[in-house]
Amino acid sequence: QVQLVESGGGLVEPGGSLRLSCVASGSISDKAMGWYRQAPGNQREFVAEINSGGITSYGDFVKGRFIISRDNAKKTVHLQMSGLNSGDTAVYFCNSRFLFINDWGQGTQVTVSS
């Protein structure tokens, strides 16, 4: 089990960019790392994942706007987001997955508004 701490959220104008970071308390090299988001009144939805081998997957709505990356030495995962729109407003959660063990961070708020 690892503790996850997200950062990098904030207020951004439509069309803008943000880079989210997630730092783990322990090794992530054998874990799949991902990002999920939850908007008010909605269920938590999958945003992106990068597995231990570096293979990435994205939610359909991403449409090439986001890039997930990892740095195992720094125990960090990033989500570079661009082309943001109001529909991207949500709390973004970092996720660590190993077999059937899932750990979650507390989340970071992303608000897209003019």
N, C-alpha and C. Protein backbone atom coordinates (compact mmCIF):
# COMPACT_ATOMS: atom_id res chain seq x y z
N GLN A 1 0.85 -1.19 0.00
CA GLN A 1 0.00 0.00 0.00
C GLN A 1 0.88 1.24 0.00
N VAL A 2 0.51 2.23 -0.81
CA VAL A 2 1.26 3.47 -0.86
C VAL A 2 0.32 4.64 -0.64
N GLN A 3 0.88 5.71 -0.10
CA GLN A 3 0.14 6.96 -0.02
C GLN A 3 0.45 7.78 -1.26
N LEU A 4 -0.56 8.41 -1.79
CA LEU A 4 -0.43 9.18 -3.01
C LEU A 4 -0.84 10.62 -2.75
N VAL A 5 -0.04 11.56 -3.22
CA VAL A 5 -0.33 12.98 -3.03
C VAL A 5 -0.30 13.67 -4.38
N GLU A 6 -1.46 14.23 -4.73
CA GLU A 6 -1.58 14.94 -6.00
C GLU A 6 -1.29 16.42 -5.83
N SER A 7 -0.88 17.04 -6.91
CA SER A 7 -0.68 18.49 -6.94
C SER A 7 -0.82 18.96 -8.38
N GLY A 8 -0.90 20.28 -8.53
CA GLY A 8 -0.91 20.85 -9.87
C GLY A 8 -2.27 21.31 -10.37
N GLY A 9 -3.32 21.05 -9.61
CA GLY A 9 -4.63 21.52 -10.02
C GLY A 9 -4.76 23.02 -9.86
N GLY A 10 -5.87 23.55 -10.37
CA GLY A 10 -6.10 24.98 -10.25
C GLY A 10 -7.14 25.44 -11.24
N LEU A 11 -7.19 26.76 -11.39
CA LEU A 11 -8.12 27.40 -12.32
C LEU A 11 -7.40 27.72 -13.62
N VAL A 12 -7.99 27.33 -14.72
CA VAL A 12 -7.39 27.58 -16.03
C VAL A 12 -8.48 27.97 -17.00
N GLU A 13 -8.15 28.81 -17.96
CA GLU A 13 -9.11 29.24 -18.96
C GLU A 13 -9.30 28.15 -20.02
N PRO A 14 -10.45 28.16 -20.67
CA PRO A 14 -10.67 27.20 -21.76
C PRO A 14 -9.55 27.27 -22.80
N GLY A 15 -9.11 26.10 -23.23
CA GLY A 15 -8.00 26.03 -24.16
C GLY A 15 -6.64 25.97 -23.49
N GLY A 16 -6.61 26.17 -22.19
CA GLY A 16 -5.34 26.19 -21.46
C GLY A 16 -4.82 24.81 -21.12
N SER A 17 -3.71 24.82 -20.39
CA SER A 17 -3.02 23.58 -20.04
C SER A 17 -2.72 23.54 -18.55
N LEU A 18 -2.64 22.32 -18.05
CA LEU A 18 -2.22 22.07 -16.67
C LEU A 18 -1.41 20.79 -16.64
N ARG A 19 -0.51 20.71 -15.68
CA ARG A 19 0.25 19.49 -15.47
C ARG A 19 0.01 19.01 -14.04
N LEU A 20 -0.61 17.87 -13.92
CA LEU A 20 -0.84 17.28 -12.61
C LEU A 20 0.30 16.33 -12.27
N SER A 21 0.61 16.30 -10.98
CA SER A 21 1.66 15.39 -10.50
C SER A 21 1.12 14.56 -9.35
N CYS A 22 1.65 13.36 -9.22
CA CYS A 22 1.27 12.46 -8.13
C CYS A 22 2.55 11.83 -7.61
N VAL A 23 2.82 12.06 -6.33
CA VAL A 23 4.01 11.50 -5.70
C VAL A 23 3.59 10.39 -4.75
N ALA A 24 4.26 9.25 -4.86
CA ALA A 24 3.94 8.10 -4.02
C ALA A 24 4.93 7.99 -2.86
N SER A 25 4.46 7.39 -1.78
CA SER A 25 5.31 7.23 -0.60
C SER A 25 6.26 6.05 -0.72
N GLY A 26 5.99 5.17 -1.67
CA GLY A 26 6.82 4.01 -1.86
C GLY A 26 7.04 3.73 -3.33
N SER A 27 7.69 2.64 -3.60
CA SER A 27 8.01 2.28 -4.97
C SER A 27 6.75 2.07 -5.80
N ILE A 28 6.82 2.55 -7.05
CA ILE A 28 5.71 2.36 -7.98
C ILE A 28 6.12 1.53 -9.18
N SER A 29 7.33 1.04 -9.18
CA SER A 29 7.87 0.42 -10.39
C SER A 29 7.08 -0.82 -10.85
N ASP A 30 6.44 -1.49 -9.91
CA ASP A 30 5.68 -2.69 -10.27
C ASP A 30 4.18 -2.43 -10.36
N LYS A 31 3.80 -1.17 -10.34
CA LYS A 31 2.38 -0.81 -10.28
C LYS A 31 1.93 -0.11 -11.55
N ALA A 32 0.68 -0.33 -11.87
CA ALA A 32 0.03 0.51 -12.86
C ALA A 32 -0.43 1.78 -12.17
N MET A 33 -0.16 2.91 -12.79
CA MET A 33 -0.51 4.21 -12.20
C MET A 33 -1.50 4.91 -13.11
N GLY A 34 -2.51 5.50 -12.50
CA GLY A 34 -3.53 6.11 -13.32
C GLY A 34 -4.11 7.38 -12.73
N TRP A 35 -4.94 7.99 -13.53
CA TRP A 35 -5.69 9.18 -13.13
C TRP A 35 -7.16 8.94 -13.42
N TYR A 36 -7.97 9.34 -12.47
CA TYR A 36 -9.42 9.32 -12.59
C TYR A 36 -9.93 10.70 -12.23
N ARG A 37 -11.16 10.98 -12.58
CA ARG A 37 -11.73 12.27 -12.23
C ARG A 37 -13.19 12.10 -11.84
N GLN A 38 -13.65 13.06 -11.06
CA GLN A 38 -15.06 13.04 -10.64
C GLN A 38 -15.58 14.45 -10.59
N ALA A 39 -16.59 14.71 -11.39
CA ALA A 39 -17.27 16.00 -11.39
C ALA A 39 -18.47 15.91 -10.46
N PRO A 40 -18.93 17.04 -9.94
CA PRO A 40 -20.08 17.02 -9.03
C PRO A 40 -21.29 16.33 -9.65
N GLY A 41 -21.87 15.40 -8.92
CA GLY A 41 -23.04 14.69 -9.40
C GLY A 41 -22.76 13.54 -10.34
N ASN A 42 -21.47 13.35 -10.66
CA ASN A 42 -21.10 12.29 -11.60
C ASN A 42 -20.31 11.19 -10.90
N GLN A 43 -20.26 10.04 -11.54
CA GLN A 43 -19.42 8.97 -11.03
C GLN A 43 -17.96 9.23 -11.39
N ARG A 44 -17.07 8.61 -10.63
CA ARG A 44 -15.66 8.72 -10.95
C ARG A 44 -15.41 8.03 -12.29
N GLU A 45 -14.64 8.69 -13.16
CA GLU A 45 -14.39 8.10 -14.47
C GLU A 45 -12.90 8.01 -14.76
N PHE A 46 -12.56 7.04 -15.57
CA PHE A 46 -11.18 6.78 -15.94
C PHE A 46 -10.67 7.86 -16.89
N VAL A 47 -9.47 8.35 -16.60
CA VAL A 47 -8.84 9.35 -17.46
C VAL A 47 -7.68 8.73 -18.24
N ALA A 48 -6.73 8.15 -17.51
CA ALA A 48 -5.54 7.61 -18.16
C ALA A 48 -4.83 6.64 -17.22
N GLU A 49 -4.06 5.74 -17.81
CA GLU A 49 -3.26 4.81 -17.04
C GLU A 49 -1.97 4.51 -17.79
N ILE A 50 -0.91 4.29 -17.01
CA ILE A 50 0.36 3.83 -17.57
C ILE A 50 0.78 2.62 -16.76
N ASN A 51 1.03 1.51 -17.42
CA ASN A 51 1.35 0.31 -16.66
C ASN A 51 2.85 0.25 -16.35
N SER A 52 3.25 -0.80 -15.67
CA SER A 52 4.64 -0.90 -15.24
C SER A 52 5.61 -0.98 -16.41
N GLY A 53 5.12 -1.38 -17.57
CA GLY A 53 5.95 -1.45 -18.76
C GLY A 53 5.93 -0.20 -19.60
N GLY A 54 5.18 0.80 -19.16
CA GLY A 54 5.12 2.07 -19.87
C GLY A 54 4.03 2.16 -20.93
N ILE A 55 3.19 1.16 -21.01
CA ILE A 55 2.08 1.20 -21.97
C ILE A 55 0.96 2.05 -21.40
N THR A 56 0.44 2.93 -22.25
CA THR A 56 -0.57 3.89 -21.80
C THR A 56 -1.94 3.59 -22.40
N SER A 57 -2.95 4.01 -21.68
CA SER A 57 -4.33 3.95 -22.18
C SER A 57 -5.05 5.19 -21.68
N TYR A 58 -6.09 5.59 -22.43
CA TYR A 58 -6.79 6.83 -22.13
C TYR A 58 -8.30 6.64 -22.28
N GLY A 59 -9.03 7.46 -21.53
CA GLY A 59 -10.46 7.50 -21.71
C GLY A 59 -10.81 8.07 -23.09
N ASP A 60 -11.95 7.66 -23.61
CA ASP A 60 -12.34 8.09 -24.97
C ASP A 60 -12.41 9.61 -25.10
N PHE A 61 -12.78 10.27 -24.03
CA PHE A 61 -12.99 11.71 -24.12
C PHE A 61 -11.66 12.48 -24.22
N VAL A 62 -10.55 11.81 -23.94
CA VAL A 62 -9.26 12.51 -23.94
C VAL A 62 -8.90 12.99 -25.35
N LYS A 63 -9.11 12.14 -26.35
CA LYS A 63 -8.93 12.52 -27.76
C LYS A 63 -7.58 13.21 -28.01
N GLY A 64 -6.52 12.63 -27.44
CA GLY A 64 -5.19 13.12 -27.72
C GLY A 64 -4.77 14.37 -26.98
N ARG A 65 -5.59 14.84 -26.06
CA ARG A 65 -5.28 16.10 -25.37
C ARG A 65 -4.39 15.90 -24.14
N PHE A 66 -4.38 14.72 -23.57
CA PHE A 66 -3.65 14.46 -22.33
C PHE A 66 -2.53 13.46 -22.58
N ILE A 67 -1.46 13.59 -21.80
CA ILE A 67 -0.37 12.63 -21.85
C ILE A 67 0.00 12.22 -20.43
N ILE A 68 0.00 10.92 -20.17
CA ILE A 68 0.41 10.41 -18.87
C ILE A 68 1.84 9.90 -18.98
N SER A 69 2.61 10.15 -17.93
CA SER A 69 4.00 9.69 -17.92
C SER A 69 4.37 9.32 -16.49
N ARG A 70 5.47 8.57 -16.37
CA ARG A 70 5.89 8.15 -15.04
C ARG A 70 7.41 8.24 -14.92
N ASP A 71 7.84 8.46 -13.68
CA ASP A 71 9.26 8.47 -13.35
C ASP A 71 9.41 7.58 -12.12
N ASN A 72 9.78 6.35 -12.34
CA ASN A 72 9.85 5.41 -11.22
C ASN A 72 10.89 5.82 -10.17
N ALA A 73 11.99 6.38 -10.63
CA ALA A 73 13.04 6.79 -9.69
C ALA A 73 12.55 7.86 -8.73
N LYS A 74 11.69 8.74 -9.22
CA LYS A 74 11.13 9.81 -8.39
C LYS A 74 9.78 9.43 -7.81
N LYS A 75 9.30 8.22 -8.10
CA LYS A 75 8.02 7.74 -7.58
C LYS A 75 6.90 8.70 -7.94
N THR A 76 6.93 9.17 -9.17
CA THR A 76 6.02 10.23 -9.60
C THR A 76 5.33 9.87 -10.91
N VAL A 77 4.09 10.29 -11.00
CA VAL A 77 3.32 10.17 -12.23
C VAL A 77 2.79 11.55 -12.59
N HIS A 78 2.82 11.87 -13.87
CA HIS A 78 2.33 13.17 -14.33
C HIS A 78 1.18 12.97 -15.30
N LEU A 79 0.32 13.97 -15.34
CA LEU A 79 -0.71 14.04 -16.36
C LEU A 79 -0.64 15.43 -16.98
N GLN A 80 -0.14 15.50 -18.19
CA GLN A 80 -0.08 16.76 -18.92
C GLN A 80 -1.38 16.92 -19.69
N MET A 81 -2.11 17.98 -19.37
CA MET A 81 -3.41 18.22 -19.99
C MET A 81 -3.37 19.48 -20.81
N SER A 82 -3.87 19.42 -22.01
CA SER A 82 -3.95 20.60 -22.86
C SER A 82 -5.31 20.63 -23.53
N GLY A 83 -5.63 21.75 -24.14
CA GLY A 83 -6.93 21.89 -24.79
C GLY A 83 -8.09 21.70 -23.83
N LEU A 84 -7.92 22.21 -22.62
CA LEU A 84 -8.94 21.99 -21.59
C LEU A 84 -10.23 22.74 -21.90
N ASN A 85 -11.35 22.13 -21.54
CA ASN A 85 -12.65 22.76 -21.70
C ASN A 85 -13.45 22.59 -20.41
N SER A 86 -14.60 23.21 -20.35
CA SER A 86 -15.37 23.21 -19.11
C SER A 86 -15.76 21.79 -18.68
N GLY A 87 -15.86 20.90 -19.65
CA GLY A 87 -16.19 19.52 -19.33
C GLY A 87 -15.10 18.78 -18.59
N ASP A 88 -13.92 19.38 -18.54
CA ASP A 88 -12.80 18.76 -17.82
C ASP A 88 -12.76 19.18 -16.35
N THR A 89 -13.66 20.07 -15.96
CA THR A 89 -13.72 20.50 -14.57
C THR A 89 -14.12 19.33 -13.68
N ALA A 90 -13.27 19.03 -12.71
CA ALA A 90 -13.50 17.88 -11.83
C ALA A 90 -12.39 17.82 -10.79
N VAL A 91 -12.57 16.94 -9.83
CA VAL A 91 -11.47 16.58 -8.95
C VAL A 91 -10.75 15.40 -9.59
N TYR A 92 -9.45 15.52 -9.71
CA TYR A 92 -8.64 14.49 -10.35
C TYR A 92 -7.90 13.69 -9.27
N PHE A 93 -8.04 12.38 -9.37
CA PHE A 93 -7.48 11.47 -8.38
C PHE A 93 -6.39 10.61 -8.99
N CYS A 94 -5.32 10.45 -8.26
CA CYS A 94 -4.26 9.53 -8.65
C CYS A 94 -4.59 8.14 -8.12
N ASN A 95 -4.26 7.14 -8.92
CA ASN A 95 -4.55 5.75 -8.55
C ASN A 95 -3.32 4.89 -8.76
N SER A 96 -3.09 4.01 -7.80
CA SER A 96 -2.04 3.01 -7.91
C SER A 96 -2.69 1.64 -7.89
N ARG A 97 -2.31 0.79 -8.82
CA ARG A 97 -2.97 -0.52 -8.91
C ARG A 97 -1.92 -1.62 -9.03
N PHE A 98 -2.00 -2.60 -8.14
CA PHE A 98 -1.13 -3.78 -8.21
C PHE A 98 -2.00 -4.99 -7.92
N LEU A 99 -2.16 -5.84 -8.89
CA LEU A 99 -3.09 -6.98 -8.80
C LEU A 99 -4.47 -6.42 -8.43
N PHE A 100 -4.99 -6.77 -7.28
CA PHE A 100 -6.32 -6.29 -6.90
C PHE A 100 -6.26 -5.22 -5.83
N ILE A 101 -5.06 -4.67 -5.61
CA ILE A 101 -4.90 -3.63 -4.60
C ILE A 101 -4.92 -2.27 -5.28
N ASN A 102 -5.83 -1.44 -4.86
CA ASN A 102 -5.95 -0.08 -5.38
C ASN A 102 -5.72 0.92 -4.26
N ASP A 103 -4.87 1.91 -4.51
CA ASP A 103 -4.68 3.02 -3.59
C ASP A 103 -5.06 4.31 -4.30
N TRP A 104 -5.56 5.25 -3.51
CA TRP A 104 -6.04 6.51 -4.06
C TRP A 104 -5.46 7.69 -3.31
N GLY A 105 -5.25 8.77 -4.04
CA GLY A 105 -4.90 10.02 -3.41
C GLY A 105 -6.15 10.77 -3.01
N GLN A 106 -5.94 11.94 -2.41
CA GLN A 106 -7.07 12.76 -1.95
C GLN A 106 -7.68 13.60 -3.05
N GLY A 107 -6.98 13.75 -4.15
CA GLY A 107 -7.52 14.48 -5.27
C GLY A 107 -7.04 15.92 -5.34
N THR A 108 -7.07 16.46 -6.55
CA THR A 108 -6.73 17.86 -6.78
C THR A 108 -7.78 18.45 -7.72
N GLN A 109 -8.25 19.63 -7.37
CA GLN A 109 -9.33 20.26 -8.12
C GLN A 109 -8.80 20.92 -9.39
N VAL A 110 -9.45 20.64 -10.50
CA VAL A 110 -9.18 21.32 -11.77
C VAL A 110 -10.47 22.03 -12.18
N THR A 111 -10.38 23.33 -12.38
CA THR A 111 -11.52 24.13 -12.80
C THR A 111 -11.18 24.85 -14.09
N VAL A 112 -11.99 24.63 -15.10
CA VAL A 112 -11.77 25.28 -16.39
C VAL A 112 -12.89 26.30 -16.59
N SER A 113 -12.51 27.56 -16.56
CA SER A 113 -13.51 28.63 -16.64
C SER A 113 -12.84 29.91 -17.10
N SER A 114 -13.63 30.73 -17.81
CA SER A 114 -13.13 32.04 -18.21
C SER A 114 -13.54 33.09 -17.18
